[in-house]
Amino acid sequence: MIDTILETCHEYSNFYVNYLNKRWDNISPMEYGIVLVVIAFIGWLLMRNGMRKV
Protein backbone atom coordinates (compact mmCIF):
# COMPACT_ATOMS: atom_id res chain seq x y z
CA MET A 1 0.00 0.00 0.00
CA ILE A 2 2.73 2.48 0.98
CA ASP A 3 4.79 1.44 -2.05
CA THR A 4 1.89 2.24 -4.36
CA ILE A 5 1.39 5.66 -2.77
CA LEU A 6 5.10 6.47 -2.97
CA GLU A 7 5.28 5.31 -6.58
CA THR A 8 2.27 7.47 -7.49
CA CYS A 9 3.81 10.51 -5.78
CA HIS A 10 7.09 9.86 -7.57
CA GLU A 11 5.37 9.62 -10.97
CA TYR A 12 3.41 12.83 -10.37
CA SER A 13 6.50 14.70 -9.23
CA ASN A 14 8.46 13.47 -12.28
CA PHE A 15 5.64 14.59 -14.58
CA TYR A 16 5.46 18.08 -13.08
CA VAL A 17 9.24 18.53 -12.99
CA ASN A 18 9.48 17.54 -16.66
CA TYR A 19 6.53 19.78 -17.55
CA LEU A 20 8.06 22.78 -15.78
CA ASN A 21 11.46 22.16 -17.37
CA LYS A 22 9.92 22.08 -20.85
CA ARG A 23 7.85 25.17 -20.04
CA TRP A 24 10.93 27.03 -18.76
CA ASP A 25 12.90 26.14 -21.91
CA ASN A 26 10.16 27.68 -24.09
CA ILE A 27 9.38 30.75 -21.99
CA SER A 28 8.65 33.98 -23.83
CA PRO A 29 10.19 37.34 -22.89
CA MET A 30 6.84 38.53 -21.51
CA GLU A 31 6.50 35.45 -19.31
CA TYR A 32 10.09 35.86 -18.12
CA GLY A 33 9.32 39.45 -17.16
CA ILE A 34 6.28 38.30 -15.20
CA VAL A 35 8.42 35.74 -13.35
CA LEU A 36 10.93 38.45 -12.42
CA VAL A 37 8.19 40.82 -11.23
CA VAL A 38 6.61 38.09 -9.09
CA ILE A 39 10.00 37.22 -7.54
CA ALA A 40 10.66 40.89 -6.83
CA PHE A 41 7.22 41.34 -5.26
CA ILE A 42 7.63 38.27 -3.04
CA GLY A 43 11.07 39.49 -1.96
CA TRP A 44 9.67 42.93 -1.19
CA LEU A 45 6.88 41.40 0.92
CA LEU A 46 9.34 39.23 2.83
CA MET A 47 11.66 42.16 3.55
CA ARG A 48 8.73 44.37 4.57
CA ASN A 49 7.31 41.76 6.95
CA GLY A 50 10.77 41.00 8.33
CA MET A 51 11.26 44.59 9.50
CA ARG A 52 7.98 44.55 11.45
CA LYS A 53 8.96 41.52 13.52
CA VAL A 54 12.17 43.13 14.84
PDB file of N, CA and C in Angstrom:
ATOM      1  N   MET A   1       0.825  -1.197   0.000  1.00  0.00           N
ATOM      2  CA  MET A   1       0.000   0.000   0.000  1.00  0.00           C
ATOM      3  C   MET A   1       0.868   1.260   0.000  1.00  0.00           C
ATOM      4  N   ILE A   2       1.836   1.320   0.916  1.00  0.00           N
ATOM      5  CA  ILE A   2       2.731   2.479   0.980  1.00  0.00           C
ATOM      6  C   ILE A   2       3.566   2.577  -0.290  1.00  0.00           C
ATOM      7  N   ASP A   3       3.993   1.433  -0.816  1.00  0.00           N
ATOM      8  CA  ASP A   3       4.788   1.436  -2.046  1.00  0.00           C
ATOM      9  C   ASP A   3       4.001   2.038  -3.207  1.00  0.00           C
ATOM     10  N   THR A   4       2.732   1.713  -3.292  1.00  0.00           N
ATOM     11  CA  THR A   4       1.891   2.240  -4.358  1.00  0.00           C
ATOM     12  C   THR A   4       1.737   3.748  -4.218  1.00  0.00           C
ATOM     13  N   ILE A   5       1.535   4.217  -2.993  1.00  0.00           N
ATOM     14  CA  ILE A   5       1.386   5.658  -2.766  1.00  0.00           C
ATOM     15  C   ILE A   5       2.685   6.383  -3.105  1.00  0.00           C
ATOM     16  N   LEU A   6       3.808   5.851  -2.672  1.00  0.00           N
ATOM     17  CA  LEU A   6       5.098   6.471  -2.966  1.00  0.00           C
ATOM     18  C   LEU A   6       5.392   6.471  -4.465  1.00  0.00           C
ATOM     19  N   GLU A   7       5.061   5.385  -5.130  1.00  0.00           N
ATOM     20  CA  GLU A   7       5.277   5.312  -6.582  1.00  0.00           C
ATOM     21  C   GLU A   7       4.415   6.334  -7.312  1.00  0.00           C
ATOM     22  N   THR A   8       3.166   6.482  -6.878  1.00  0.00           N
ATOM     23  CA  THR A   8       2.273   7.467  -7.490  1.00  0.00           C
ATOM     24  C   THR A   8       2.802   8.878  -7.279  1.00  0.00           C
ATOM     25  N   CYS A   9       3.239   9.194  -6.061  1.00  0.00           N
ATOM     26  CA  CYS A   9       3.808  10.513  -5.776  1.00  0.00           C
ATOM     27  C   CYS A   9       5.054  10.761  -6.618  1.00  0.00           C
ATOM     28  N   HIS A  10       5.875   9.733  -6.769  1.00  0.00           N
ATOM     29  CA  HIS A  10       7.089   9.856  -7.570  1.00  0.00           C
ATOM     30  C   HIS A  10       6.749  10.124  -9.044  1.00  0.00           C
ATOM     31  N   GLU A  11       5.770   9.418  -9.575  1.00  0.00           N
ATOM     32  CA  GLU A  11       5.367   9.622 -10.968  1.00  0.00           C
ATOM     33  C   GLU A  11       4.799  11.030 -11.177  1.00  0.00           C
ATOM     34  N   TYR A  12       3.963  11.485 -10.261  1.00  0.00           N
ATOM     35  CA  TYR A  12       3.411  12.828 -10.374  1.00  0.00           C
ATOM     36  C   TYR A  12       4.506  13.887 -10.289  1.00  0.00           C
ATOM     37  N   SER A  13       5.431  13.715  -9.356  1.00  0.00           N
ATOM     38  CA  SER A  13       6.503  14.702  -9.228  1.00  0.00           C
ATOM     39  C   SER A  13       7.385  14.704 -10.477  1.00  0.00           C
ATOM     40  N   ASN A  14       7.679  13.530 -11.036  1.00  0.00           N
ATOM     41  CA  ASN A  14       8.460  13.474 -12.281  1.00  0.00           C
ATOM     42  C   ASN A  14       7.728  14.173 -13.419  1.00  0.00           C
ATOM     43  N   PHE A  15       6.424  13.955 -13.516  1.00  0.00           N
ATOM     44  CA  PHE A  15       5.645  14.589 -14.578  1.00  0.00           C
ATOM     45  C   PHE A  15       5.715  16.102 -14.457  1.00  0.00           C
ATOM     46  N   TYR A  16       5.487  16.629 -13.252  1.00  0.00           N
ATOM     47  CA  TYR A  16       5.459  18.075 -13.082  1.00  0.00           C
ATOM     48  C   TYR A  16       6.842  18.701 -13.224  1.00  0.00           C
ATOM     49  N   VAL A  17       7.888  18.010 -12.798  1.00  0.00           N
ATOM     50  CA  VAL A  17       9.241  18.526 -12.993  1.00  0.00           C
ATOM     51  C   VAL A  17       9.561  18.582 -14.485  1.00  0.00           C
ATOM     52  N   ASN A  18       9.239  17.541 -15.216  1.00  0.00           N
ATOM     53  CA  ASN A  18       9.477  17.540 -16.662  1.00  0.00           C
ATOM     54  C   ASN A  18       8.654  18.607 -17.364  1.00  0.00           C
ATOM     55  N   TYR A  19       7.394  18.763 -16.954  1.00  0.00           N
ATOM     56  CA  TYR A  19       6.535  19.781 -17.554  1.00  0.00           C
ATOM     57  C   TYR A  19       7.102  21.177 -17.323  1.00  0.00           C
ATOM     58  N   LEU A  20       7.513  21.455 -16.083  1.00  0.00           N
ATOM     59  CA  LEU A  20       8.055  22.783 -15.777  1.00  0.00           C
ATOM     60  C   LEU A  20       9.387  23.029 -16.482  1.00  0.00           C
ATOM     61  N   ASN A  21      10.205  21.994 -16.629  1.00  0.00           N
ATOM     62  CA  ASN A  21      11.462  22.158 -17.373  1.00  0.00           C
ATOM     63  C   ASN A  21      11.194  22.487 -18.832  1.00  0.00           C
ATOM     64  N   LYS A  22      10.259  21.790 -19.451  1.00  0.00           N
ATOM     65  CA  LYS A  22       9.916  22.080 -20.850  1.00  0.00           C
ATOM     66  C   LYS A  22       9.312  23.475 -20.976  1.00  0.00           C
ATOM     67  N   ARG A  23       8.481  23.838 -20.026  1.00  0.00           N
ATOM     68  CA  ARG A  23       7.850  25.168 -20.039  1.00  0.00           C
ATOM     69  C   ARG A  23       8.899  26.261 -19.876  1.00  0.00           C
ATOM     70  N   TRP A  24       9.877  26.039 -18.989  1.00  0.00           N
ATOM     71  CA  TRP A  24      10.926  27.032 -18.759  1.00  0.00           C
ATOM     72  C   TRP A  24      11.799  27.178 -20.004  1.00  0.00           C
ATOM     73  N   ASP A  25      12.070  26.081 -20.710  1.00  0.00           N
ATOM     74  CA  ASP A  25      12.902  26.145 -21.907  1.00  0.00           C
ATOM     75  C   ASP A  25      12.229  26.926 -23.030  1.00  0.00           C
ATOM     76  N   ASN A  26      10.897  26.996 -23.031  1.00  0.00           N
ATOM     77  CA  ASN A  26      10.164  27.680 -24.093  1.00  0.00           C
ATOM     78  C   ASN A  26       9.459  28.936 -23.596  1.00  0.00           C
ATOM     79  N   ILE A  27      10.017  29.579 -22.578  1.00  0.00           N
ATOM     80  CA  ILE A  27       9.377  30.749 -21.992  1.00  0.00           C
ATOM     81  C   ILE A  27       9.597  31.966 -22.901  1.00  0.00           C
ATOM     82  N   SER A  28       8.562  32.783 -23.006  1.00  0.00           N
ATOM     83  CA  SER A  28       8.647  33.982 -23.833  1.00  0.00           C
ATOM     84  C   SER A  28       9.221  35.125 -22.996  1.00  0.00           C
ATOM     85  N   PRO A  29       9.671  36.199 -23.657  1.00  0.00           N
ATOM     86  CA  PRO A  29      10.193  37.339 -22.894  1.00  0.00           C
ATOM     87  C   PRO A  29       9.146  37.950 -21.954  1.00  0.00           C
ATOM     88  N   MET A  30       7.901  37.983 -22.354  1.00  0.00           N
ATOM     89  CA  MET A  30       6.841  38.527 -21.510  1.00  0.00           C
ATOM     90  C   MET A  30       6.657  37.659 -20.263  1.00  0.00           C
ATOM     91  N   GLU A  31       6.649  36.358 -20.446  1.00  0.00           N
ATOM     92  CA  GLU A  31       6.501  35.448 -19.306  1.00  0.00           C
ATOM     93  C   GLU A  31       7.710  35.537 -18.374  1.00  0.00           C
ATOM     94  N   TYR A  32       8.900  35.713 -18.938  1.00  0.00           N
ATOM     95  CA  TYR A  32      10.092  35.858 -18.120  1.00  0.00           C
ATOM     96  C   TYR A  32      10.009  37.134 -17.287  1.00  0.00           C
ATOM     97  N   GLY A  33       9.507  38.202 -17.887  1.00  0.00           N
ATOM     98  CA  GLY A  33       9.316  39.449 -17.155  1.00  0.00           C
ATOM     99  C   GLY A  33       8.332  39.284 -16.011  1.00  0.00           C
ATOM    100  N   ILE A  34       7.269  38.543 -16.253  1.00  0.00           N
ATOM    101  CA  ILE A  34       6.282  38.296 -15.199  1.00  0.00           C
ATOM    102  C   ILE A  34       6.920  37.509 -14.055  1.00  0.00           C
ATOM    103  N   VAL A  35       7.733  36.518 -14.384  1.00  0.00           N
ATOM    104  CA  VAL A  35       8.422  35.740 -13.352  1.00  0.00           C
ATOM    105  C   VAL A  35       9.314  36.656 -12.511  1.00  0.00           C
ATOM    106  N   LEU A  36      10.056  37.548 -13.162  1.00  0.00           N
ATOM    107  CA  LEU A  36      10.933  38.451 -12.423  1.00  0.00           C
ATOM    108  C   LEU A  36      10.142  39.405 -11.529  1.00  0.00           C
ATOM    109  N   VAL A  37       9.019  39.915 -12.024  1.00  0.00           N
ATOM    110  CA  VAL A  37       8.190  40.818 -11.226  1.00  0.00           C
ATOM    111  C   VAL A  37       7.614  40.092 -10.014  1.00  0.00           C
ATOM    112  N   VAL A  38       7.165  38.864 -10.205  1.00  0.00           N
ATOM    113  CA  VAL A  38       6.612  38.088  -9.087  1.00  0.00           C
ATOM    114  C   VAL A  38       7.697  37.815  -8.045  1.00  0.00           C
ATOM    115  N   ILE A  39       8.892  37.459  -8.477  1.00  0.00           N
ATOM    116  CA  ILE A  39       9.996  37.216  -7.543  1.00  0.00           C
ATOM    117  C   ILE A  39      10.335  38.495  -6.780  1.00  0.00           C
ATOM    118  N   ALA A  40      10.370  39.620  -7.486  1.00  0.00           N
ATOM    119  CA  ALA A  40      10.660  40.893  -6.829  1.00  0.00           C
ATOM    120  C   ALA A  40       9.578  41.245  -5.819  1.00  0.00           C
ATOM    121  N   PHE A  41       8.333  41.021  -6.163  1.00  0.00           N
ATOM    122  CA  PHE A  41       7.224  41.337  -5.258  1.00  0.00           C
ATOM    123  C   PHE A  41       7.269  40.459  -4.007  1.00  0.00           C
ATOM    124  N   ILE A  42       7.533  39.173  -4.185  1.00  0.00           N
ATOM    125  CA  ILE A  42       7.628  38.266  -3.038  1.00  0.00           C
ATOM    126  C   ILE A  42       8.798  38.674  -2.142  1.00  0.00           C
ATOM    127  N   GLY A  43       9.927  39.025  -2.742  1.00  0.00           N
ATOM    128  CA  GLY A  43      11.072  39.491  -1.959  1.00  0.00           C
ATOM    129  C   GLY A  43      10.757  40.766  -1.204  1.00  0.00           C
ATOM    130  N   TRP A  44      10.063  41.685  -1.846  1.00  0.00           N
ATOM    131  CA  TRP A  44       9.667  42.932  -1.192  1.00  0.00           C
ATOM    132  C   TRP A  44       8.751  42.661  -0.002  1.00  0.00           C
ATOM    133  N   LEU A  45       7.776  41.747  -0.186  1.00  0.00           N
ATOM    134  CA  LEU A  45       6.878  41.403   0.920  1.00  0.00           C
ATOM    135  C   LEU A  45       7.642  40.771   2.081  1.00  0.00           C
ATOM    136  N   LEU A  46       8.581  39.879   1.771  1.00  0.00           N
ATOM    137  CA  LEU A  46       9.344  39.229   2.831  1.00  0.00           C
ATOM    138  C   LEU A  46      10.210  40.231   3.591  1.00  0.00           C
ATOM    139  N   MET A  47      10.832  41.158   2.880  1.00  0.00           N
ATOM    140  CA  MET A  47      11.660  42.160   3.550  1.00  0.00           C
ATOM    141  C   MET A  47      10.791  43.098   4.370  1.00  0.00           C
ATOM    142  N   ARG A  48       9.645  43.458   3.852  1.00  0.00           N
ATOM    143  CA  ARG A  48       8.734  44.372   4.566  1.00  0.00           C
ATOM    144  C   ARG A  48       8.218  43.727   5.849  1.00  0.00           C
ATOM    145  N   ASN A  49       7.815  42.468   5.776  1.00  0.00           N
ATOM    146  CA  ASN A  49       7.310  41.763   6.953  1.00  0.00           C
ATOM    147  C   ASN A  49       8.434  41.459   7.929  1.00  0.00           C
ATOM    148  N   GLY A  50       9.655  41.278   7.451  1.00  0.00           N
ATOM    149  CA  GLY A  50      10.773  40.999   8.334  1.00  0.00           C
ATOM    150  C   GLY A  50      11.124  42.179   9.218  1.00  0.00           C
ATOM    151  N   MET A  51      10.941  43.391   8.719  1.00  0.00           N
ATOM    152  CA  MET A  51      11.264  44.586   9.502  1.00  0.00           C
ATOM    153  C   MET A  51      10.233  44.793  10.622  1.00  0.00           C
ATOM    154  N   ARG A  52       9.011  44.375  10.435  1.00  0.00           N
ATOM    155  CA  ARG A  52       7.976  44.549  11.448  1.00  0.00           C
ATOM    156  C   ARG A  52       8.199  43.647  12.652  1.00  0.00           C
ATOM    157  N   LYS A  53       8.771  42.478  12.439  1.00  0.00           N
ATOM    158  CA  LYS A  53       8.955  41.519  13.523  1.00  0.00           C
ATOM    159  C   LYS A  53      10.092  41.918  14.463  1.00  0.00           C
ATOM    160  N   VAL A  54      11.005  42.748  14.010  1.00  0.00           N
ATOM    161  CA  VAL A  54      12.167  43.129  14.842  1.00  0.00           C
ATOM    162  C   VAL A  54      11.771  44.109  15.897  1.00  0.00           C
TER     163      VAL A  54
END
